[in-house]
């Protein structure tokens, strides 16, 4: 009996328990939803694929997904289930190796989620896949497959969890014949998390967070190539948040990380005392600190606050592997209503300093960050939203690099109606300017974009159709580049019967890069939602995407050029059944 058969039997038992539970409504209750979905993908290219191939498939050709998300209540026990999975080897983090999955690979595959969180009073048990976020500087928000517990006796808060945040995948080298991009590979990453604190709901929280992750070097038989080295990471942080009845909110978090970039490096000859007993010091191990703090004052129609963040060059956490460190920033922000509450203003201004450690040069980098958004409801029919954003970066080193980005957007909207229908017309114009300047070598680069969008939505009071229309124009000008895009879209919803909703959309686009001829794109989507029986819904949609290249692709990208202009047809079919109980 394979694992899919076991899962099917498990679901059947739970559904049977629902029927028996109807006789004991006071003691047992079950509610939630379940469903199954299929997605089929097709790609046809002309001319036939050759080397090099001008367009790659973007999805697996066949994908099945299942979901089962009930909440079971037995007396004072509440047990929510979260089962969302696919039987295939698809993986959004590391490429699939092909072939059947073991039960362990199936359960720890990042695209699958098997989670149970039974709760009785103040005790909560966590089993399976969980997305736990204790704080910004510690756990992050990665999905982890494992087990844990949350305890809340009185004002105490105790959280513990242990699991796997990354499954092992063997490295597979790319090949020319047959053509294959290979598999990057990954080590299994084990993760431990804990929190100990005091909390009063809506008033305050103060506590310590602990997170440790380590890659198992023997979890793969074919190790990934550098820079995907096995790593070890530990973070300890203190978090405090306070809210007062007078509208004051404070928060502060201080963190320290111990991070080993490569466990294959030798142990350090002079181990740092405070690394132990947490982790063993390697030559690639370092520690650093981070700080996040802020204060906000909220009034009836206004808000004002300030933030300050610092991330040391060596501060790392497994929860946010791509976090930008070695920087410091401050930001002031405000929100208020004006003009008899018809105007809402949201604004912020601040500065960011980078290269604090001087690793990338002898000087700091500086960035100005500023934005303001103003929404005004002039009348019941007419409103206007305007925004301005500025982002400036300055590196006073030998290159004298400097960049400034400014963006202005204006969005008016007007509505009117009569006895039969209402009308909404909305327009948006966005102008963006980006300038880059260097002293050595001396050069200045300008990159400007403009976007204009018009949307018209009529609403019929006595008819069951809901159409919409839009037209968009986009232009990007930069050195040796002039890109123009024109796109027209129309869509419609129609309810021919109370339980059926038909949907459709058609979009045609022209994109041109001077001096080449235009690329042409036609995108068509149609489908329906059908409430077949009370709580059972059938969803269905089909999409066809036809793209015909102009002279740009064969003339500039490949040698020799294709005979004729390449084109492709992408087709997608999605269908699924969803049952609510």
Protein backbone atom coordinates (compact mmCIF):
# COMPACT_ATOMS: atom_id res chain seq x y z
CA UNK A 1 0.00 0.00 0.00
CA UNK A 2 1.66 3.23 -1.15
CA UNK A 3 1.47 6.54 0.72
CA UNK A 4 -1.23 8.01 -1.60
CA UNK A 5 -3.52 5.05 -0.83
CA UNK A 6 -2.90 5.55 2.87
CA UNK A 7 -3.78 9.23 2.58
CA UNK A 8 -6.99 8.39 0.66
CA UNK A 9 -8.03 5.94 3.40
CA UNK A 10 -7.23 8.53 6.06
CA UNK A 11 -9.44 11.10 4.32
CA UNK A 12 -12.26 8.56 4.01
CA UNK A 13 -12.10 7.83 7.76
CA UNK A 14 -12.28 11.52 8.58
CA UNK A 15 -15.26 12.03 6.26
CA UNK A 16 -16.99 9.05 7.87
CA UNK A 17 -16.37 10.59 11.27
CA UNK A 18 -18.21 13.69 10.04
CA UNK A 19 -21.37 11.65 9.43
CA UNK A 20 -21.25 10.06 12.89
CA UNK A 21 -20.48 13.46 14.41
CA UNK A 22 -23.84 14.77 13.18
CA UNK A 23 -25.46 12.57 15.82
CA UNK A 24 -23.31 14.19 18.51
CA UNK A 25 -23.38 17.83 17.53
CA UNK A 26 -22.81 19.01 21.04
CA UNK A 27 -19.67 16.93 21.54
CA UNK A 28 -18.07 16.65 18.08
CA UNK A 29 -18.15 19.10 15.21
CA UNK A 30 -16.20 19.23 11.96
CA UNK A 31 -16.03 21.99 9.38
CA UNK A 32 -13.74 23.16 6.64
CA UNK A 33 -13.09 22.41 3.00
CA UNK A 34 -11.44 19.88 0.72
CA UNK A 35 -10.67 19.77 -2.98
CA UNK A 36 -8.63 18.45 -5.86
CA UNK A 37 -7.17 20.36 -8.81
CA UNK A 38 -5.54 19.48 -12.12
CA UNK A 39 -3.44 21.74 -14.33
CA UNK A 40 -2.39 20.74 -17.84
CA UNK A 41 0.22 22.74 -19.72
CA UNK A 42 1.13 22.67 -23.40
CA UNK A 43 3.80 24.43 -25.48
CA UNK A 44 4.07 24.41 -29.28
CA UNK A 45 6.88 26.29 -31.03
CA UNK A 46 7.59 27.16 -34.62
CA UNK A 47 10.11 26.53 -35.95
CA UNK A 48 10.58 23.27 -34.04
CA UNK A 49 12.96 23.46 -31.05
CA UNK A 50 16.58 23.56 -32.05
CA UNK A 51 19.79 24.48 -30.27
CA UNK A 52 19.62 27.16 -29.01
CA UNK A 53 15.97 26.92 -27.94
CA UNK A 54 14.30 30.35 -28.01
CA UNK A 55 11.60 29.63 -25.39
CA UNK A 56 11.48 27.23 -22.42
CA UNK A 57 8.43 25.62 -20.81
CA UNK A 58 7.42 27.55 -17.71
CA UNK A 59 5.35 24.90 -15.90
CA UNK A 60 5.22 21.13 -15.48
CA UNK A 61 3.08 19.57 -18.22
CA UNK A 62 0.78 17.80 -15.76
CA UNK A 63 0.19 18.85 -12.18
CA UNK A 64 -2.27 17.42 -9.65
CA UNK A 65 -2.92 19.05 -6.29
CA UNK A 66 -5.08 17.98 -3.38
CA UNK A 67 -6.21 19.88 -0.30
CA UNK A 68 -7.94 18.82 2.88
CA UNK A 69 -8.40 21.54 5.50
CA UNK A 70 -10.94 20.56 8.16
CA UNK A 71 -11.19 21.85 11.73
CA UNK A 72 -12.28 19.19 14.19
CA UNK A 73 -13.79 20.24 17.53
CA UNK A 74 -14.17 17.65 20.26
CA UNK A 75 -15.39 19.21 23.47
CA UNK A 76 -12.79 21.79 24.40
CA UNK A 77 -10.28 20.41 21.88
CA UNK A 78 -9.85 22.25 18.58
CA UNK A 79 -7.83 20.44 15.89
CA UNK A 80 -7.24 22.30 12.61
CA UNK A 81 -5.74 20.27 9.73
CA UNK A 82 -3.81 21.73 6.79
CA UNK A 83 -3.09 19.17 4.05
CA UNK A 84 -2.10 20.62 0.65
CA UNK A 85 0.03 18.40 -1.56
CA UNK A 86 0.99 17.15 -5.01
CA UNK A 87 2.10 13.54 -5.69
CA UNK A 88 4.70 14.66 -8.27
CA UNK A 89 8.29 15.77 -7.67
CA UNK A 90 7.71 19.50 -8.24
CA UNK A 91 9.77 21.69 -5.96
CA UNK A 92 9.92 25.49 -5.99
CA UNK A 93 13.23 25.71 -4.10
CA UNK A 94 15.41 22.97 -5.56
CA UNK A 95 14.90 21.25 -8.90
CA UNK A 96 13.33 17.81 -9.00
CA UNK A 97 15.51 14.74 -9.40
CA UNK A 98 12.81 12.71 -11.15
CA UNK A 99 11.58 9.27 -10.21
CA UNK A 100 9.37 8.27 -7.29
CA UNK A 101 9.65 10.08 -3.98
CA UNK A 102 10.18 8.35 -0.67
CA UNK A 103 7.63 9.10 2.06
CA UNK A 104 10.19 11.38 3.75
CA UNK A 105 10.86 13.29 0.51
CA UNK A 106 7.12 13.58 -0.07
CA UNK A 107 6.43 14.99 3.40
CA UNK A 108 9.36 17.45 3.37
CA UNK A 109 8.88 18.66 -0.22
CA UNK A 110 8.48 22.46 0.12
CA UNK A 111 5.49 22.50 -2.28
CA UNK A 112 3.59 20.18 0.07
CA UNK A 113 2.06 21.06 3.40
CA UNK A 114 0.91 18.57 6.06
CA UNK A 115 0.10 20.35 9.28
CA UNK A 116 -2.01 19.64 12.37
CA UNK A 117 -2.41 22.06 15.32
CA UNK A 118 -4.63 20.55 18.04
CA UNK A 119 -5.39 23.02 20.84
CA UNK A 120 -6.82 22.46 24.29
CA UNK A 121 -7.14 25.54 26.44
CA UNK A 122 -3.75 27.28 26.45
CA UNK A 123 -1.84 24.28 25.07
CA UNK A 124 -1.27 23.91 21.33
CA UNK A 125 0.55 20.99 19.69
CA UNK A 126 2.19 21.55 16.28
CA UNK A 127 2.74 18.62 13.93
CA UNK A 128 3.85 18.61 10.28
CA UNK A 129 4.48 21.66 8.11
CA UNK A 130 4.25 24.95 10.01
CA UNK A 131 5.10 28.55 9.09
CA UNK A 132 6.21 30.07 12.37
CA UNK A 133 7.36 33.66 12.77
CA UNK A 134 8.51 34.48 16.27
CA UNK A 135 10.17 37.76 15.26
CA UNK A 136 11.79 39.65 12.37
CA UNK A 137 15.39 39.01 13.47
CA UNK A 138 15.06 35.34 14.40
CA UNK A 139 12.84 32.75 12.72
CA UNK A 140 11.76 34.49 9.52
CA UNK A 141 8.77 32.85 7.84
CA UNK A 142 10.10 29.65 6.27
CA UNK A 143 7.94 26.54 6.24
CA UNK A 144 9.39 23.84 8.54
CA UNK A 145 8.24 20.19 8.72
CA UNK A 146 8.47 18.85 12.26
CA UNK A 147 6.87 18.93 15.69
CA UNK A 148 6.51 21.38 18.54
CA UNK A 149 4.32 22.91 21.22
CA UNK A 150 2.99 26.33 22.24
CA UNK A 151 2.23 26.84 25.93
CA UNK A 152 0.51 29.88 27.44
CA UNK A 153 0.09 29.35 31.21
CA UNK A 154 -1.07 32.70 32.56
CA UNK A 155 1.16 35.44 31.19
CA UNK A 156 3.99 33.05 30.29
CA UNK A 157 4.60 32.18 26.63
CA UNK A 158 6.66 29.08 25.84
CA UNK A 159 7.18 27.88 22.27
CA UNK A 160 9.31 24.97 21.05
CA UNK A 161 9.69 23.48 17.56
CA UNK A 162 12.07 21.11 15.79
CA UNK A 163 12.01 20.15 12.13
CA UNK A 164 13.43 20.22 8.61
CA UNK A 165 13.32 23.47 6.62
CA UNK A 166 15.06 22.13 3.49
CA UNK A 167 15.04 18.61 2.12
CA UNK A 168 18.17 16.98 0.61
CA UNK A 169 18.57 16.91 -3.18
CA UNK A 170 21.58 15.35 -4.94
CA UNK A 171 23.59 17.45 -7.36
CA UNK A 172 23.21 16.46 -11.02
CA UNK A 173 25.58 17.95 -13.60
CA UNK A 174 24.14 19.55 -16.76
CA UNK A 175 24.47 17.63 -20.01
CA UNK A 176 24.57 18.57 -23.69
CA UNK A 177 23.14 15.33 -25.15
CA UNK A 178 20.44 14.91 -24.16
CA UNK A 179 20.13 18.60 -23.27
CA UNK A 180 19.58 19.06 -19.53
CA UNK A 181 20.16 21.95 -17.15
CA UNK A 182 20.96 19.49 -14.35
CA UNK A 183 19.96 19.82 -10.71
CA UNK A 184 21.53 22.40 -8.37
CA UNK A 185 21.09 20.21 -5.33
CA UNK A 186 20.74 21.07 -1.63
CA UNK A 187 21.68 19.77 1.81
CA UNK A 188 19.05 18.78 4.35
CA UNK A 189 18.68 21.65 6.83
CA UNK A 190 17.53 20.86 10.35
CA UNK A 191 16.07 23.67 12.43
CA UNK A 192 15.32 24.23 16.13
CA UNK A 193 13.29 27.15 17.45
CA UNK A 194 12.27 28.31 20.91
CA UNK A 195 10.66 31.30 22.59
CA UNK A 196 10.27 32.20 26.26
CA UNK A 197 8.38 35.35 27.20
CA UNK A 198 5.70 37.23 29.09
CA UNK A 199 2.60 38.64 27.39
CA UNK A 200 -0.63 40.45 28.11
CA UNK A 201 -2.82 40.52 25.02
CA UNK A 202 -3.01 44.00 23.50
CA UNK A 203 -0.70 45.46 26.15
CA UNK A 204 2.84 44.11 26.07
CA UNK A 205 5.17 41.27 25.16
CA UNK A 206 8.75 40.66 26.27
CA UNK A 207 10.75 37.54 25.55
CA UNK A 208 13.78 35.77 24.14
CA UNK A 209 13.93 33.89 20.82
CA UNK A 210 16.36 31.12 19.95
CA UNK A 211 16.88 29.65 16.47
CA UNK A 212 19.50 27.19 15.26
CA UNK A 213 19.87 25.57 11.84
CA UNK A 214 22.50 23.21 10.51
CA UNK A 215 23.02 21.49 7.15
CA UNK A 216 23.65 17.74 7.23
CA UNK A 217 26.70 17.12 5.07
CA UNK A 218 25.98 13.37 4.79
CA UNK A 219 22.36 13.92 3.68
CA UNK A 220 23.34 13.75 -0.02
CA UNK A 221 25.47 11.30 -1.98
CA UNK A 222 26.36 13.93 -4.59
CA UNK A 223 27.16 17.24 -2.87
CA UNK A 224 26.11 20.59 -4.39
CA UNK A 225 28.88 22.69 -5.86
CA UNK A 226 30.20 25.83 -4.14
CA UNK A 227 28.90 28.42 -3.31
CA UNK A 228 26.11 26.11 -2.08
CA UNK A 229 28.20 25.05 0.91
CA UNK A 230 26.88 23.40 4.09
CA UNK A 231 26.17 26.07 6.70
CA UNK A 232 25.38 26.46 10.37
CA UNK A 233 23.51 29.35 11.92
CA UNK A 234 22.31 30.33 15.38
CA UNK A 235 20.43 33.46 16.44
CA UNK A 236 19.46 34.74 19.89
CA UNK A 237 17.23 37.80 20.10
CA UNK A 238 15.30 39.79 22.70
CA UNK A 239 11.96 41.28 21.63
CA UNK A 240 9.76 43.77 23.51
CA UNK A 241 6.51 45.42 22.39
CA UNK A 242 4.32 47.82 24.38
CA UNK A 243 0.97 49.45 23.54
CA UNK A 244 -0.62 52.06 25.81
CA UNK A 245 -4.21 53.26 26.14
CA UNK A 246 -3.10 56.74 25.02
CA UNK A 247 -2.09 55.47 21.57
CA UNK A 248 1.66 54.98 22.08
CA UNK A 249 3.31 51.89 20.56
CA UNK A 250 6.92 50.90 21.16
CA UNK A 251 8.94 47.98 19.88
CA UNK A 252 12.57 46.92 20.09
CA UNK A 253 14.43 43.77 19.09
CA UNK A 254 18.12 43.09 19.63
CA UNK A 255 19.68 40.07 17.97
CA UNK A 256 23.04 38.32 17.82
CA UNK A 257 23.90 35.70 15.21
CA UNK A 258 26.63 33.06 15.05
CA UNK A 259 27.07 32.04 11.42
CA UNK A 260 29.36 29.50 9.72
CA UNK A 261 29.47 30.07 5.97
CA UNK A 262 31.06 26.69 5.19
CA UNK A 263 31.18 23.70 7.55
CA UNK A 264 33.84 22.14 5.31
CA UNK A 265 36.38 24.72 6.46
CA UNK A 266 38.67 23.62 9.32
CA UNK A 267 37.98 24.35 12.96
CA UNK A 268 39.42 27.64 14.14
CA UNK A 269 42.81 27.51 15.90
CA UNK A 270 41.58 30.19 18.32
CA UNK A 271 37.94 29.41 19.01
CA UNK A 272 35.87 32.30 20.31
CA UNK A 273 34.76 31.61 23.88
CA UNK A 274 31.15 32.69 23.56
CA UNK A 275 30.54 30.51 20.47
CA UNK A 276 30.40 27.46 22.73
CA UNK A 277 28.41 25.49 23.73
CA UNK A 278 26.16 26.74 20.92
CA UNK A 279 28.32 26.00 17.86
CA UNK A 280 31.91 25.02 17.15
CA UNK A 281 34.00 27.80 15.64
CA UNK A 282 35.33 27.28 12.11
CA UNK A 283 37.62 29.56 10.15
CA UNK A 284 34.51 30.74 8.29
CA UNK A 285 32.52 31.44 11.49
CA UNK A 286 31.66 34.92 12.68
CA UNK A 287 29.20 36.70 14.96
CA UNK A 288 27.44 40.01 14.66
CA UNK A 289 24.50 42.03 15.98
CA UNK A 290 21.31 43.65 14.71
CA UNK A 291 18.82 46.13 16.16
CA UNK A 292 15.28 47.11 15.18
CA UNK A 293 13.40 49.76 17.14
CA UNK A 294 10.49 52.08 16.59
CA UNK A 295 7.90 54.33 18.20
CA UNK A 296 4.41 55.29 16.95
CA UNK A 297 1.80 57.67 18.32
CA UNK A 298 -1.75 57.14 17.03
CA UNK A 299 -4.52 59.72 17.23
CA UNK A 300 -8.10 59.69 16.01
CA UNK A 301 -7.29 60.94 12.49
CA UNK A 302 -3.51 60.90 12.46
CA UNK A 303 -0.41 58.84 13.15
CA UNK A 304 3.28 59.71 13.51
CA UNK A 305 6.29 57.50 14.11
CA UNK A 306 9.98 56.82 13.67
CA UNK A 307 12.07 53.70 13.04
CA UNK A 308 15.76 52.83 13.35
CA UNK A 309 17.35 49.62 12.08
CA UNK A 310 20.92 48.33 12.18
CA UNK A 311 22.23 45.09 10.62
CA UNK A 312 25.88 44.17 11.14
CA UNK A 313 27.91 42.89 8.21
CA UNK A 314 28.06 39.40 9.70
CA UNK A 315 24.47 39.19 10.92
CA UNK A 316 22.64 36.28 9.26
CA UNK A 317 19.51 34.29 9.98
CA UNK A 318 18.30 31.15 8.24
CA UNK A 319 14.76 32.55 8.18
CA UNK A 320 15.79 35.35 5.79
CA UNK A 321 18.73 33.94 3.75
CA UNK A 322 18.76 36.93 1.35
CA UNK A 323 18.56 39.67 3.97
CA UNK A 324 20.66 42.72 3.10
CA UNK A 325 23.00 43.33 6.04
CA UNK A 326 25.91 45.72 6.68
CA UNK A 327 23.53 48.70 6.77
CA UNK A 328 21.86 51.21 9.05
CA UNK A 329 18.70 53.23 8.37
CA UNK A 330 16.27 55.63 9.97
CA UNK A 331 12.80 56.56 8.82
CA UNK A 332 10.12 59.03 9.94
CA UNK A 333 6.54 58.45 8.80
CA UNK A 334 3.15 60.02 9.26
CA UNK A 335 -0.50 59.61 8.29
CA UNK A 336 -3.28 62.16 8.73
CA UNK A 337 -6.65 63.29 7.41
CA UNK A 338 -7.31 66.83 6.23
CA UNK A 339 -9.91 69.01 4.51
CA UNK A 340 -12.89 67.78 6.51
CA UNK A 341 -11.58 64.19 6.27
CA UNK A 342 -11.83 64.23 2.49
CA UNK A 343 -8.05 64.03 2.12
CA UNK A 344 -5.78 61.26 3.42
CA UNK A 345 -2.01 61.77 3.43
CA UNK A 346 0.61 59.05 4.01
CA UNK A 347 4.26 60.10 3.92
CA UNK A 348 7.71 58.94 5.02
CA UNK A 349 11.30 60.11 4.67
CA UNK A 350 14.56 58.52 5.74
CA UNK A 351 18.14 57.63 4.92
CA UNK A 352 20.03 54.37 4.61
CA UNK A 353 23.79 53.92 5.09
CA UNK A 354 25.57 50.90 3.65
CA UNK A 355 29.07 49.38 3.71
CA UNK A 356 29.37 50.11 7.43
CA UNK A 357 32.20 47.59 7.72
CA UNK A 358 34.06 49.18 4.76
CA UNK A 359 34.37 45.72 3.17
CA UNK A 360 33.34 47.09 -0.24
CA UNK A 361 35.49 50.20 -0.13
CA UNK A 362 36.77 53.01 2.12
CA UNK A 363 33.51 54.98 2.28
CA UNK A 364 29.88 54.63 3.29
CA UNK A 365 27.12 54.35 0.72
CA UNK A 366 24.13 56.61 1.25
CA UNK A 367 20.52 56.30 0.14
CA UNK A 368 17.68 58.78 0.48
CA UNK A 369 14.21 57.22 0.74
CA UNK A 370 11.12 59.43 0.53
CA UNK A 371 7.51 58.93 -0.54
CA UNK A 372 4.16 60.63 -0.16
CA UNK A 373 0.68 59.52 -1.18
CA UNK A 374 -2.36 61.83 -1.17
CA UNK A 375 -5.90 60.58 -1.74
CA UNK A 376 -8.66 63.19 -2.09
CA UNK A 377 -12.38 62.53 -2.43
CA UNK A 378 -13.48 65.84 -4.00
CA UNK A 379 -17.12 64.80 -4.52
CA UNK A 380 -19.13 61.61 -4.35
CA UNK A 381 -18.26 61.05 -8.02
CA UNK A 382 -14.72 62.34 -8.39
CA UNK A 383 -11.56 61.29 -6.54
CA UNK A 384 -7.84 61.81 -7.15
CA UNK A 385 -4.87 59.82 -5.88
CA UNK A 386 -1.33 61.18 -6.34
CA UNK A 387 1.99 59.79 -5.19
CA UNK A 388 5.68 60.67 -5.31
CA UNK A 389 8.62 58.37 -4.59
CA UNK A 390 12.31 59.22 -4.43
CA UNK A 391 15.23 56.86 -4.04
CA UNK A 392 18.78 58.22 -4.08
CA UNK A 393 22.02 56.21 -3.77
CA UNK A 394 25.51 57.66 -3.34
CA UNK A 395 28.87 55.88 -3.08
CA UNK A 396 31.68 58.43 -2.60
CA UNK A 397 34.43 56.02 -3.56
CA UNK A 398 36.82 56.10 -6.50
CA UNK A 399 34.05 55.50 -9.02
CA UNK A 400 31.90 58.31 -7.60
CA UNK A 401 28.78 56.24 -8.29
CA UNK A 402 25.49 58.07 -7.84
CA UNK A 403 21.94 57.17 -8.83
CA UNK A 404 18.65 58.97 -8.35
CA UNK A 405 15.18 57.58 -9.03
CA UNK A 406 12.05 59.76 -9.04
CA UNK A 407 8.52 58.61 -9.73
CA UNK A 408 5.27 60.57 -9.94
CA UNK A 409 1.86 58.95 -10.35
CA UNK A 410 -1.57 60.53 -10.85
CA UNK A 411 -4.79 58.50 -10.69
CA UNK A 412 -8.16 60.27 -11.16
CA UNK A 413 -11.44 58.32 -10.98
CA UNK A 414 -14.97 59.41 -11.90
CA UNK A 415 -18.29 57.61 -11.43
CA UNK A 416 -21.81 58.41 -12.64
CA UNK A 417 -25.06 56.48 -12.94
CA UNK A 418 -28.66 56.46 -14.08
CA UNK A 419 -31.67 54.26 -13.34
CA UNK A 420 -30.29 51.33 -15.39
CA UNK A 421 -26.55 51.30 -14.80
CA UNK A 422 -23.49 52.92 -13.22
CA UNK A 423 -20.18 53.84 -14.84
CA UNK A 424 -16.62 54.02 -13.54
CA UNK A 425 -13.76 55.46 -15.53
CA UNK A 426 -10.29 55.59 -14.06
CA UNK A 427 -6.99 56.79 -15.46
CA UNK A 428 -3.41 56.42 -14.24
CA UNK A 429 -0.30 58.17 -15.51
CA UNK A 430 3.11 57.32 -14.07
CA UNK A 431 6.38 59.04 -14.93
CA UNK A 432 9.65 57.59 -13.71
CA UNK A 433 13.18 58.95 -14.12
CA UNK A 434 16.37 57.08 -13.25
CA UNK A 435 19.84 58.65 -13.57
CA UNK A 436 23.21 56.95 -13.04
CA UNK A 437 26.50 58.87 -12.81
CA UNK A 438 30.10 57.70 -12.39
CA UNK A 439 33.31 59.77 -12.22
CA UNK A 440 35.74 56.98 -13.23
CA UNK A 441 34.94 56.25 -15.96
CA UNK A 442 33.06 59.49 -16.58
CA UNK A 443 29.55 58.63 -17.74
CA UNK A 444 25.91 59.52 -17.19
CA UNK A 445 23.02 57.20 -17.98
CA UNK A 446 19.35 58.18 -18.17
CA UNK A 447 16.54 55.64 -18.06
CA UNK A 448 13.01 57.06 -18.22
CA UNK A 449 9.65 55.30 -18.31
CA UNK A 450 6.09 56.47 -18.84
CA UNK A 451 2.91 54.47 -18.29
CA UNK A 452 -0.68 55.46 -19.08
CA UNK A 453 -3.67 53.29 -18.20
CA UNK A 454 -7.40 53.87 -18.79
CA UNK A 455 -10.03 51.56 -17.25
CA UNK A 456 -13.79 51.66 -17.89
CA UNK A 457 -16.19 49.48 -15.86
CA UNK A 458 -19.96 49.64 -16.54
CA UNK A 459 -22.33 47.97 -14.05
CA UNK A 460 -25.85 46.96 -15.11
CA UNK A 461 -28.54 46.98 -12.43
CA UNK A 462 -30.99 44.74 -14.28
CA UNK A 463 -28.61 42.50 -16.28
CA UNK A 464 -26.38 39.65 -15.17
CA UNK A 465 -23.28 40.66 -17.14
CA UNK A 466 -20.30 42.62 -15.80
CA UNK A 467 -17.86 43.78 -18.50
CA UNK A 468 -14.67 45.83 -18.15
CA UNK A 469 -12.32 47.49 -20.65
CA UNK A 470 -8.77 48.83 -20.34
CA UNK A 471 -6.06 50.32 -22.53
CA UNK A 472 -2.40 50.63 -21.49
CA UNK A 473 0.58 52.40 -23.07
CA UNK A 474 4.16 52.02 -21.81
CA UNK A 475 7.43 53.55 -22.99
CA UNK A 476 10.98 52.98 -21.77
CA UNK A 477 13.85 55.07 -23.12
CA UNK A 478 17.49 54.40 -22.24
CA UNK A 479 20.83 54.51 -24.06
CA UNK A 480 20.54 52.36 -27.20
CA UNK A 481 17.04 51.28 -26.15
CA UNK A 482 13.55 52.50 -26.97
CA UNK A 483 10.76 50.16 -25.94
CA UNK A 484 7.06 50.77 -26.61
CA UNK A 485 4.15 48.62 -25.44
CA UNK A 486 0.47 49.01 -26.30
CA UNK A 487 -2.07 46.65 -24.75
CA UNK A 488 -5.89 46.44 -24.94
CA UNK A 489 -7.91 44.21 -22.62
CA UNK A 490 -11.58 43.36 -22.23
CA UNK A 491 -13.21 41.01 -19.77
CA UNK A 492 -16.69 39.88 -18.80
CA UNK A 493 -18.52 37.98 -16.08
CA UNK A 494 -21.95 36.55 -16.84
CA UNK A 495 -24.38 34.63 -14.59
CA UNK A 496 -26.82 32.78 -16.89
CA UNK A 497 -28.12 30.93 -13.83
CA UNK A 498 -27.91 31.55 -10.07
CA UNK A 499 -25.34 28.79 -9.58
CA UNK A 500 -23.18 29.38 -12.68
CA UNK A 501 -20.73 32.23 -13.26
CA UNK A 502 -19.02 32.42 -16.68
CA UNK A 503 -15.78 34.40 -17.00
CA UNK A 504 -13.71 35.48 -19.97
CA UNK A 505 -10.88 37.86 -20.88
CA UNK A 506 -9.16 38.82 -24.13
CA UNK A 507 -5.93 40.81 -24.37
CA UNK A 508 -3.93 41.94 -27.40
CA UNK A 509 -0.48 43.54 -27.09
CA UNK A 510 2.12 45.06 -29.39
CA UNK A 511 5.67 45.58 -28.13
CA UNK A 512 8.41 47.21 -30.18
CA UNK A 513 12.11 47.68 -29.60
CA UNK A 514 13.53 50.09 -32.16
CA UNK A 515 14.56 49.48 -34.92
CA UNK A 516 12.92 46.01 -35.03
CA UNK A 517 9.40 45.13 -36.07
CA UNK A 518 6.75 44.58 -33.39
CA UNK A 519 6.23 41.49 -31.24
CA UNK A 520 2.55 40.50 -31.16
CA UNK A 521 0.78 38.75 -28.30
CA UNK A 522 -2.79 37.46 -28.01
CA UNK A 523 -3.95 36.14 -24.64
CA UNK A 524 -7.41 34.58 -24.23
CA UNK A 525 -8.92 33.11 -21.05
CA UNK A 526 -12.35 31.59 -20.43
CA UNK A 527 -13.88 29.53 -17.65
CA UNK A 528 -16.67 29.11 -15.15
CA UNK A 529 -17.53 28.55 -11.49
CA UNK A 530 -20.46 26.16 -11.00
CA UNK A 531 -22.09 25.45 -7.65
CA UNK A 532 -23.08 21.90 -8.52
CA UNK A 533 -24.70 20.96 -5.24
CA UNK A 534 -25.00 23.13 -2.15
CA UNK A 535 -21.42 23.06 -0.86
CA UNK A 536 -19.75 21.51 -3.94
CA UNK A 537 -18.19 23.86 -6.53
CA UNK A 538 -16.58 23.06 -9.88
CA UNK A 539 -14.01 25.56 -11.18
CA UNK A 540 -12.73 25.42 -14.77
CA UNK A 541 -10.60 27.70 -16.94
CA UNK A 542 -8.65 27.55 -20.21
CA UNK A 543 -5.92 29.95 -21.33
CA UNK A 544 -4.25 30.31 -24.73
CA UNK A 545 -1.22 32.56 -25.15
CA UNK A 546 -0.01 33.15 -28.74
CA UNK A 547 3.25 35.10 -29.07
CA UNK A 548 4.69 36.04 -32.47
CA UNK A 549 8.20 37.54 -32.43
CA UNK A 550 9.12 40.44 -34.66
CA UNK A 551 12.55 40.81 -36.24
CA UNK A 552 14.16 41.45 -32.81
CA UNK A 553 14.66 37.82 -31.73
CA UNK A 554 16.10 36.19 -34.85
CA UNK A 555 18.04 39.30 -35.85
CA UNK A 556 19.83 40.02 -32.57
CA UNK A 557 19.73 37.03 -30.25
CA UNK A 558 20.88 34.00 -32.24
CA UNK A 559 23.40 33.11 -34.89
CA UNK A 560 22.47 31.95 -37.43
CA UNK A 561 19.12 33.74 -37.61
CA UNK A 562 15.96 31.70 -37.88
CA UNK A 563 14.28 31.49 -41.25
CA UNK A 564 11.14 33.47 -40.51
CA UNK A 565 10.06 34.88 -37.17
CA UNK A 566 9.67 32.40 -34.28
CA UNK A 567 6.34 32.05 -32.52
CA UNK A 568 4.88 29.89 -29.77
CA UNK A 569 1.51 28.83 -28.37
CA UNK A 570 1.14 28.23 -24.66
CA UNK A 571 -2.04 26.58 -23.45
CA UNK A 572 -3.16 25.92 -19.89
CA UNK A 573 -6.17 24.03 -18.58
CA UNK A 574 -7.12 24.31 -14.92
CA UNK A 575 -9.99 22.48 -13.28
CA UNK A 576 -10.90 21.53 -9.75
CA UNK A 577 -13.61 20.48 -7.34
CA UNK A 578 -14.02 22.12 -3.94
CA UNK A 579 -16.32 20.90 -1.18
CA UNK A 580 -17.17 22.86 1.97
CA UNK A 581 -18.53 21.06 4.98
